[in-house]
Amino acid sequence: MSDKVSGAIERAPAQISGAVTGKVVTISGNIVGGGSGPAYRGPYEVTPTSETQVLPTTGKRMTADVVVNPIPSNYGMITWDGSKLTVS
């Protein structure tokens, strides 16, 4: 008896459905492109600043990972020793 996987992948909303017959079957993978929201067209890369930054991604389809860059080296360092605050 051979293992057999059958079914369908639907785009919106993204689902995997079907039937599996046989002894042991492993199904793995990613669904890409599903969803019914509009595509996100904003930046996918941000650099920390002193202000709050919001990427308006709620309800949107993302096409890549968001990259958060390191804190720029020209930012000052703040230390607190329990009695003195130092900004350098």
PDB file of N, CA and C in Angstrom:
ATOM      1  N   MET A   1       0.849  -1.175   0.000  1.00  0.00           N
ATOM      2  CA  MET A   1       0.000   0.000   0.000  1.00  0.00           C
ATOM      3  C   MET A   1       0.892   1.235   0.000  1.00  0.00           C
ATOM      4  N   SER A   2       0.697   2.133  -0.927  1.00  0.00           N
ATOM      5  CA  SER A   2       1.511   3.347  -0.985  1.00  0.00           C
ATOM      6  C   SER A   2       0.776   4.495  -0.317  1.00  0.00           C
ATOM      7  N   ASP A   3       1.573   5.423   0.209  1.00  0.00           N
ATOM      8  CA  ASP A   3       0.984   6.608   0.819  1.00  0.00           C
ATOM      9  C   ASP A   3       0.494   7.536  -0.276  1.00  0.00           C
ATOM     10  N   LYS A   4      -0.648   8.164  -0.052  1.00  0.00           N
ATOM     11  CA  LYS A   4      -1.220   9.048  -1.051  1.00  0.00           C
ATOM     12  C   LYS A   4      -1.783  10.280  -0.358  1.00  0.00           C
ATOM     13  N   VAL A   5      -1.459  11.458  -0.898  1.00  0.00           N
ATOM     14  CA  VAL A   5      -1.989  12.714  -0.375  1.00  0.00           C
ATOM     15  C   VAL A   5      -2.783  13.360  -1.487  1.00  0.00           C
ATOM     16  N   SER A   6      -3.992  13.749  -1.185  1.00  0.00           N
ATOM     17  CA  SER A   6      -4.791  14.466  -2.180  1.00  0.00           C
ATOM     18  C   SER A   6      -5.479  15.621  -1.500  1.00  0.00           C
ATOM     19  N   GLY A   7      -5.818  16.619  -2.262  1.00  0.00           N
ATOM     20  CA  GLY A   7      -6.493  17.761  -1.684  1.00  0.00           C
ATOM     21  C   GLY A   7      -6.334  18.983  -2.551  1.00  0.00           C
ATOM     22  N   ALA A   8      -6.593  20.132  -1.953  1.00  0.00           N
ATOM     23  CA  ALA A   8      -6.535  21.386  -2.707  1.00  0.00           C
ATOM     24  C   ALA A   8      -5.985  22.490  -1.829  1.00  0.00           C
ATOM     25  N   ILE A   9      -5.340  23.439  -2.464  1.00  0.00           N
ATOM     26  CA  ILE A   9      -4.899  24.655  -1.778  1.00  0.00           C
ATOM     27  C   ILE A   9      -5.720  25.807  -2.350  1.00  0.00           C
ATOM     28  N   GLU A  10      -6.397  26.511  -1.489  1.00  0.00           N
ATOM     29  CA  GLU A  10      -7.209  27.643  -1.908  1.00  0.00           C
ATOM     30  C   GLU A  10      -6.489  28.932  -1.547  1.00  0.00           C
ATOM     31  N   ARG A  11      -6.683  29.997  -2.323  1.00  0.00           N
ATOM     32  CA  ARG A  11      -5.944  31.234  -2.114  1.00  0.00           C
ATOM     33  C   ARG A  11      -6.573  32.151  -1.079  1.00  0.00           C
ATOM     34  N   ALA A  12      -7.840  32.462  -1.126  1.00  0.00           N
ATOM     35  CA  ALA A  12      -8.375  33.473  -0.227  1.00  0.00           C
ATOM     36  C   ALA A  12      -9.676  32.989   0.381  1.00  0.00           C
ATOM     37  N   PRO A  13      -9.769  32.695   1.631  1.00  0.00           N
ATOM     38  CA  PRO A  13      -8.669  32.657   2.582  1.00  0.00           C
ATOM     39  C   PRO A  13      -7.797  31.434   2.345  1.00  0.00           C
ATOM     40  N   ALA A  14      -6.520  31.516   2.741  1.00  0.00           N
ATOM     41  CA  ALA A  14      -5.570  30.429   2.498  1.00  0.00           C
ATOM     42  C   ALA A  14      -5.893  29.244   3.396  1.00  0.00           C
ATOM     43  N   GLN A  15      -6.095  28.080   2.790  1.00  0.00           N
ATOM     44  CA  GLN A  15      -6.394  26.866   3.536  1.00  0.00           C
ATOM     45  C   GLN A  15      -5.771  25.679   2.818  1.00  0.00           C
ATOM     46  N   ILE A  16      -5.458  24.654   3.567  1.00  0.00           N
ATOM     47  CA  ILE A  16      -5.070  23.377   2.980  1.00  0.00           C
ATOM     48  C   ILE A  16      -6.109  22.371   3.440  1.00  0.00           C
ATOM     49  N   SER A  17      -6.658  21.639   2.494  1.00  0.00           N
ATOM     50  CA  SER A  17      -7.642  20.625   2.855  1.00  0.00           C
ATOM     51  C   SER A  17      -7.426  19.408   1.973  1.00  0.00           C
ATOM     52  N   GLY A  18      -7.915  18.273   2.404  1.00  0.00           N
ATOM     53  CA  GLY A  18      -7.787  17.070   1.599  1.00  0.00           C
ATOM     54  C   GLY A  18      -7.891  15.825   2.432  1.00  0.00           C
ATOM     55  N   ALA A  19      -7.473  14.708   1.853  1.00  0.00           N
ATOM     56  CA  ALA A  19      -7.533  13.417   2.522  1.00  0.00           C
ATOM     57  C   ALA A  19      -6.169  12.755   2.449  1.00  0.00           C
ATOM     58  N   VAL A  20      -5.804  12.024   3.478  1.00  0.00           N
ATOM     59  CA  VAL A  20      -4.535  11.312   3.539  1.00  0.00           C
ATOM     60  C   VAL A  20      -4.845   9.832   3.762  1.00  0.00           C
ATOM     61  N   THR A  21      -4.255   8.992   2.923  1.00  0.00           N
ATOM     62  CA  THR A  21      -4.400   7.550   3.113  1.00  0.00           C
ATOM     63  C   THR A  21      -3.012   6.936   3.177  1.00  0.00           C
ATOM     64  N   GLY A  22      -2.868   5.848   3.878  1.00  0.00           N
ATOM     65  CA  GLY A  22      -1.577   5.187   4.011  1.00  0.00           C
ATOM     66  C   GLY A  22      -1.164   5.110   5.457  1.00  0.00           C
ATOM     67  N   LYS A  23       0.064   4.650   5.693  1.00  0.00           N
ATOM     68  CA  LYS A  23       0.533   4.450   7.056  1.00  0.00           C
ATOM     69  C   LYS A  23       1.040   5.739   7.691  1.00  0.00           C
ATOM     70  N   VAL A  24       2.090   6.367   7.105  1.00  0.00           N
ATOM     71  CA  VAL A  24       2.680   7.577   7.677  1.00  0.00           C
ATOM     72  C   VAL A  24       2.876   8.589   6.559  1.00  0.00           C
ATOM     73  N   VAL A  25       2.341   9.777   6.732  1.00  0.00           N
ATOM     74  CA  VAL A  25       2.487  10.835   5.733  1.00  0.00           C
ATOM     75  C   VAL A  25       2.851  12.113   6.461  1.00  0.00           C
ATOM     76  N   THR A  26       3.831  12.847   5.928  1.00  0.00           N
ATOM     77  CA  THR A  26       4.194  14.145   6.473  1.00  0.00           C
ATOM     78  C   THR A  26       3.905  15.202   5.427  1.00  0.00           C
ATOM     79  N   ILE A  27       3.156  16.220   5.810  1.00  0.00           N
ATOM     80  CA  ILE A  27       2.851  17.335   4.918  1.00  0.00           C
ATOM     81  C   ILE A  27       3.495  18.573   5.524  1.00  0.00           C
ATOM     82  N   SER A  28       4.271  19.286   4.737  1.00  0.00           N
ATOM     83  CA  SER A  28       4.884  20.507   5.241  1.00  0.00           C
ATOM     84  C   SER A  28       4.954  21.527   4.114  1.00  0.00           C
ATOM     85  N   GLY A  29       5.124  22.790   4.480  1.00  0.00           N
ATOM     86  CA  GLY A  29       5.248  23.842   3.484  1.00  0.00           C
ATOM     87  C   GLY A  29       4.658  25.142   3.983  1.00  0.00           C
ATOM     88  N   ASN A  30       4.606  26.108   3.102  1.00  0.00           N
ATOM     89  CA  ASN A  30       4.077  27.427   3.428  1.00  0.00           C
ATOM     90  C   ASN A  30       3.004  27.808   2.420  1.00  0.00           C
ATOM     91  N   ILE A  31       2.027  28.536   2.901  1.00  0.00           N
ATOM     92  CA  ILE A  31       1.045  29.133   2.005  1.00  0.00           C
ATOM     93  C   ILE A  31       1.469  30.579   1.812  1.00  0.00           C
ATOM     94  N   VAL A  32       1.697  30.978   0.580  1.00  0.00           N
ATOM     95  CA  VAL A  32       2.136  32.338   0.286  1.00  0.00           C
ATOM     96  C   VAL A  32       1.130  32.971  -0.653  1.00  0.00           C
ATOM     97  N   GLY A  33       0.754  34.186  -0.367  1.00  0.00           N
ATOM     98  CA  GLY A  33      -0.131  34.912  -1.270  1.00  0.00           C
ATOM     99  C   GLY A  33      -1.595  34.840  -0.902  1.00  0.00           C
ATOM    100  N   GLY A  34      -1.932  34.123   0.159  1.00  0.00           N
ATOM    101  CA  GLY A  34      -3.325  34.052   0.557  1.00  0.00           C
ATOM    102  C   GLY A  34      -3.773  35.311   1.259  1.00  0.00           C
ATOM    103  N   GLY A  35      -5.000  35.355   1.626  1.00  0.00           N
ATOM    104  CA  GLY A  35      -5.532  36.503   2.335  1.00  0.00           C
ATOM    105  C   GLY A  35      -6.350  37.386   1.427  1.00  0.00           C
ATOM    106  N   SER A  36      -7.213  38.152   2.023  1.00  0.00           N
ATOM    107  CA  SER A  36      -8.104  38.980   1.222  1.00  0.00           C
ATOM    108  C   SER A  36      -7.833  40.470   1.370  1.00  0.00           C
ATOM    109  N   GLY A  37      -6.895  40.854   2.232  1.00  0.00           N
ATOM    110  CA  GLY A  37      -6.604  42.265   2.433  1.00  0.00           C
ATOM    111  C   GLY A  37      -5.747  42.831   1.321  1.00  0.00           C
ATOM    112  N   PRO A  38      -5.650  44.152   1.267  1.00  0.00           N
ATOM    113  CA  PRO A  38      -4.797  44.782   0.256  1.00  0.00           C
ATOM    114  C   PRO A  38      -3.322  44.551   0.567  1.00  0.00           C
ATOM    115  N   ALA A  39      -2.488  44.650  -0.437  1.00  0.00           N
ATOM    116  CA  ALA A  39      -1.046  44.481  -0.254  1.00  0.00           C
ATOM    117  C   ALA A  39      -0.481  45.675   0.513  1.00  0.00           C
ATOM    118  N   TYR A  40       0.472  45.407   1.409  1.00  0.00           N
ATOM    119  CA  TYR A  40       1.186  46.469   2.121  1.00  0.00           C
ATOM    120  C   TYR A  40       2.190  47.089   1.162  1.00  0.00           C
ATOM    121  N   ARG A  41       2.160  48.415   1.005  1.00  0.00           N
ATOM    122  CA  ARG A  41       3.026  49.102   0.052  1.00  0.00           C
ATOM    123  C   ARG A  41       3.982  50.078   0.735  1.00  0.00           C
ATOM    124  N   GLY A  42       4.133  49.952   2.047  1.00  0.00           N
ATOM    125  CA  GLY A  42       5.027  50.831   2.786  1.00  0.00           C
ATOM    126  C   GLY A  42       6.428  50.266   2.890  1.00  0.00           C
ATOM    127  N   PRO A  43       7.260  50.905   3.712  1.00  0.00           N
ATOM    128  CA  PRO A  43       8.642  50.432   3.862  1.00  0.00           C
ATOM    129  C   PRO A  43       8.699  49.103   4.612  1.00  0.00           C
ATOM    130  N   TYR A  44       9.688  48.307   4.284  1.00  0.00           N
ATOM    131  CA  TYR A  44       9.939  47.044   4.961  1.00  0.00           C
ATOM    132  C   TYR A  44      11.217  47.121   5.789  1.00  0.00           C
ATOM    133  N   GLU A  45      11.781  48.307   5.920  1.00  0.00           N
ATOM    134  CA  GLU A  45      13.020  48.492   6.671  1.00  0.00           C
ATOM    135  C   GLU A  45      12.884  49.739   7.534  1.00  0.00           C
ATOM    136  N   VAL A  46      13.231  49.620   8.814  1.00  0.00           N
ATOM    137  CA  VAL A  46      13.172  50.762   9.734  1.00  0.00           C
ATOM    138  C   VAL A  46      14.459  50.840  10.546  1.00  0.00           C
ATOM    139  N   THR A  47      14.810  52.061  10.912  1.00  0.00           N
ATOM    140  CA  THR A  47      15.953  52.314  11.778  1.00  0.00           C
ATOM    141  C   THR A  47      15.427  53.004  13.030  1.00  0.00           C
ATOM    142  N   PRO A  48      15.778  52.529  14.219  1.00  0.00           N
ATOM    143  CA  PRO A  48      15.282  53.138  15.452  1.00  0.00           C
ATOM    144  C   PRO A  48      15.610  54.632  15.518  1.00  0.00           C
ATOM    145  N   THR A  49      14.658  55.395  16.024  1.00  0.00           N
ATOM    146  CA  THR A  49      14.840  56.824  16.267  1.00  0.00           C
ATOM    147  C   THR A  49      14.318  57.124  17.663  1.00  0.00           C
ATOM    148  N   SER A  50      14.306  58.385  18.025  1.00  0.00           N
ATOM    149  CA  SER A  50      13.765  58.767  19.333  1.00  0.00           C
ATOM    150  C   SER A  50      12.243  58.871  19.305  1.00  0.00           C
ATOM    151  N   GLU A  51      11.641  58.725  18.146  1.00  0.00           N
ATOM    152  CA  GLU A  51      10.188  58.798  17.994  1.00  0.00           C
ATOM    153  C   GLU A  51       9.597  57.407  17.742  1.00  0.00           C
ATOM    154  N   THR A  52       8.341  57.212  18.138  1.00  0.00           N
ATOM    155  CA  THR A  52       7.631  55.977  17.836  1.00  0.00           C
ATOM    156  C   THR A  52       7.387  55.904  16.335  1.00  0.00           C
ATOM    157  N   GLN A  53       7.618  54.741  15.764  1.00  0.00           N
ATOM    158  CA  GLN A  53       7.365  54.522  14.341  1.00  0.00           C
ATOM    159  C   GLN A  53       6.339  53.406  14.204  1.00  0.00           C
ATOM    160  N   VAL A  54       5.347  53.612  13.372  1.00  0.00           N
ATOM    161  CA  VAL A  54       4.314  52.608  13.140  1.00  0.00           C
ATOM    162  C   VAL A  54       4.283  52.287  11.649  1.00  0.00           C
ATOM    163  N   LEU A  55       4.419  51.014  11.325  1.00  0.00           N
ATOM    164  CA  LEU A  55       4.239  50.574   9.949  1.00  0.00           C
ATOM    165  C   LEU A  55       2.781  50.144   9.828  1.00  0.00           C
ATOM    166  N   PRO A  56       1.992  50.786   8.981  1.00  0.00           N
ATOM    167  CA  PRO A  56       0.550  50.501   8.914  1.00  0.00           C
ATOM    168  C   PRO A  56       0.257  49.186   8.192  1.00  0.00           C
ATOM    169  N   THR A  57       0.462  48.065   8.905  1.00  0.00           N
ATOM    170  CA  THR A  57       0.343  46.743   8.295  1.00  0.00           C
ATOM    171  C   THR A  57      -0.920  45.982   8.688  1.00  0.00           C
ATOM    172  N   THR A  58      -1.708  46.499   9.602  1.00  0.00           N
ATOM    173  CA  THR A  58      -2.899  45.779  10.060  1.00  0.00           C
ATOM    174  C   THR A  58      -3.839  45.496   8.892  1.00  0.00           C
ATOM    175  N   GLY A  59      -4.192  44.234   8.732  1.00  0.00           N
ATOM    176  CA  GLY A  59      -5.123  43.833   7.684  1.00  0.00           C
ATOM    177  C   GLY A  59      -4.516  43.800   6.293  1.00  0.00           C
ATOM    178  N   LYS A  60      -3.197  43.965   6.194  1.00  0.00           N
ATOM    179  CA  LYS A  60      -2.547  43.992   4.884  1.00  0.00           C
ATOM    180  C   LYS A  60      -1.755  42.706   4.664  1.00  0.00           C
ATOM    181  N   ARG A  61      -1.550  42.352   3.400  1.00  0.00           N
ATOM    182  CA  ARG A  61      -0.725  41.201   3.038  1.00  0.00           C
ATOM    183  C   ARG A  61       0.716  41.674   2.917  1.00  0.00           C
ATOM    184  N   MET A  62       1.620  40.990   3.614  1.00  0.00           N
ATOM    185  CA  MET A  62       3.049  41.327   3.582  1.00  0.00           C
ATOM    186  C   MET A  62       3.744  40.412   2.574  1.00  0.00           C
ATOM    187  N   THR A  63       4.730  40.969   1.854  1.00  0.00           N
ATOM    188  CA  THR A  63       5.444  40.184   0.853  1.00  0.00           C
ATOM    189  C   THR A  63       6.882  39.893   1.248  1.00  0.00           C
ATOM    190  N   ALA A  64       7.327  40.422   2.386  1.00  0.00           N
ATOM    191  CA  ALA A  64       8.701  40.202   2.844  1.00  0.00           C
ATOM    192  C   ALA A  64       8.755  40.399   4.351  1.00  0.00           C
ATOM    193  N   ASP A  65       9.886  40.032   4.949  1.00  0.00           N
ATOM    194  CA  ASP A  65      10.108  40.278   6.368  1.00  0.00           C
ATOM    195  C   ASP A  65      10.369  41.766   6.594  1.00  0.00           C
ATOM    196  N   VAL A  66      10.000  42.262   7.771  1.00  0.00           N
ATOM    197  CA  VAL A  66      10.348  43.620   8.166  1.00  0.00           C
ATOM    198  C   VAL A  66      11.736  43.563   8.807  1.00  0.00           C
ATOM    199  N   VAL A  67      12.621  44.456   8.379  1.00  0.00           N
ATOM    200  CA  VAL A  67      13.984  44.510   8.899  1.00  0.00           C
ATOM    201  C   VAL A  67      14.090  45.714   9.829  1.00  0.00           C
ATOM    202  N   VAL A  68      14.487  45.478  11.083  1.00  0.00           N
ATOM    203  CA  VAL A  68      14.742  46.552  12.032  1.00  0.00           C
ATOM    204  C   VAL A  68      16.254  46.672  12.150  1.00  0.00           C
ATOM    205  N   ASN A  69      16.784  47.791  11.655  1.00  0.00           N
ATOM    206  CA  ASN A  69      18.230  48.009  11.656  1.00  0.00           C
ATOM    207  C   ASN A  69      18.736  48.248  13.067  1.00  0.00           C
ATOM    208  N   PRO A  70      20.050  48.084  13.293  1.00  0.00           N
ATOM    209  CA  PRO A  70      20.613  48.357  14.613  1.00  0.00           C
ATOM    210  C   PRO A  70      20.499  49.840  14.970  1.00  0.00           C
ATOM    211  N   ILE A  71      20.548  50.125  16.256  1.00  0.00           N
ATOM    212  CA  ILE A  71      20.542  51.518  16.716  1.00  0.00           C
ATOM    213  C   ILE A  71      21.798  52.193  16.168  1.00  0.00           C
ATOM    214  N   PRO A  72      21.650  53.360  15.532  1.00  0.00           N
ATOM    215  CA  PRO A  72      22.818  54.034  14.965  1.00  0.00           C
ATOM    216  C   PRO A  72      23.889  54.319  16.023  1.00  0.00           C
ATOM    217  N   SER A  73      25.139  54.210  15.615  1.00  0.00           N
ATOM    218  CA  SER A  73      26.242  54.388  16.554  1.00  0.00           C
ATOM    219  C   SER A  73      26.382  55.825  17.039  1.00  0.00           C
ATOM    220  N   ASN A  74      25.755  56.789  16.364  1.00  0.00           N
ATOM    221  CA  ASN A  74      25.854  58.182  16.810  1.00  0.00           C
ATOM    222  C   ASN A  74      24.832  58.524  17.901  1.00  0.00           C
ATOM    223  N   TYR A  75      24.021  57.551  18.322  1.00  0.00           N
ATOM    224  CA  TYR A  75      23.106  57.782  19.441  1.00  0.00           C
ATOM    225  C   TYR A  75      23.916  57.771  20.730  1.00  0.00           C
ATOM    226  N   GLY A  76      23.534  58.613  21.670  1.00  0.00           N
ATOM    227  CA  GLY A  76      24.249  58.668  22.946  1.00  0.00           C
ATOM    228  C   GLY A  76      23.952  57.475  23.829  1.00  0.00           C
ATOM    229  N   MET A  77      24.795  57.275  24.831  1.00  0.00           N
ATOM    230  CA  MET A  77      24.610  56.206  25.803  1.00  0.00           C
ATOM    231  C   MET A  77      24.200  56.843  27.133  1.00  0.00           C
ATOM    232  N   ILE A  78      23.184  56.304  27.752  1.00  0.00           N
ATOM    233  CA  ILE A  78      22.706  56.799  29.046  1.00  0.00           C
ATOM    234  C   ILE A  78      23.009  55.736  30.091  1.00  0.00           C
ATOM    235  N   THR A  79      23.689  56.142  31.156  1.00  0.00           N
ATOM    236  CA  THR A  79      23.979  55.216  32.258  1.00  0.00           C
ATOM    237  C   THR A  79      23.487  55.824  33.562  1.00  0.00           C
ATOM    238  N   TRP A  80      23.129  54.962  34.480  1.00  0.00           N
ATOM    239  CA  TRP A  80      22.629  55.367  35.793  1.00  0.00           C
ATOM    240  C   TRP A  80      23.326  54.512  36.834  1.00  0.00           C
ATOM    241  N   ASP A  81      24.014  55.138  37.774  1.00  0.00           N
ATOM    242  CA  ASP A  81      24.734  54.369  38.786  1.00  0.00           C
ATOM    243  C   ASP A  81      23.995  54.356  40.126  1.00  0.00           C
ATOM    244  N   GLY A  82      22.757  54.784  40.131  1.00  0.00           N
ATOM    245  CA  GLY A  82      21.964  54.815  41.358  1.00  0.00           C
ATOM    246  C   GLY A  82      21.874  56.198  41.955  1.00  0.00           C
ATOM    247  N   SER A  83      22.819  57.077  41.600  1.00  0.00           N
ATOM    248  CA  SER A  83      22.787  58.451  42.118  1.00  0.00           C
ATOM    249  C   SER A  83      23.079  59.490  41.037  1.00  0.00           C
ATOM    250  N   LYS A  84      23.689  59.052  39.942  1.00  0.00           N
ATOM    251  CA  LYS A  84      24.075  60.004  38.915  1.00  0.00           C
ATOM    252  C   LYS A  84      23.678  59.472  37.532  1.00  0.00           C
ATOM    253  N   LEU A  85      23.032  60.321  36.732  1.00  0.00           N
ATOM    254  CA  LEU A  85      22.663  60.001  35.366  1.00  0.00           C
ATOM    255  C   LEU A  85      23.726  60.606  34.448  1.00  0.00           C
ATOM    256  N   THR A  86      24.313  59.775  33.570  1.00  0.00           N
ATOM    257  CA  THR A  86      25.346  60.248  32.662  1.00  0.00           C
ATOM    258  C   THR A  86      24.909  59.991  31.232  1.00  0.00           C
ATOM    259  N   VAL A  87      24.967  61.049  30.416  1.00  0.00           N
ATOM    260  CA  VAL A  87      24.679  60.925  28.990  1.00  0.00           C
ATOM    261  C   VAL A  87      25.981  61.174  28.251  1.00  0.00           C
ATOM    262  N   SER A  88      26.425  60.199  27.475  1.00  0.00           N
ATOM    263  CA  SER A  88      27.681  60.369  26.749  1.00  0.00           C
ATOM    264  C   SER A  88      27.485  60.105  25.271  1.00  0.00           C
TER     265      SER A  88
END
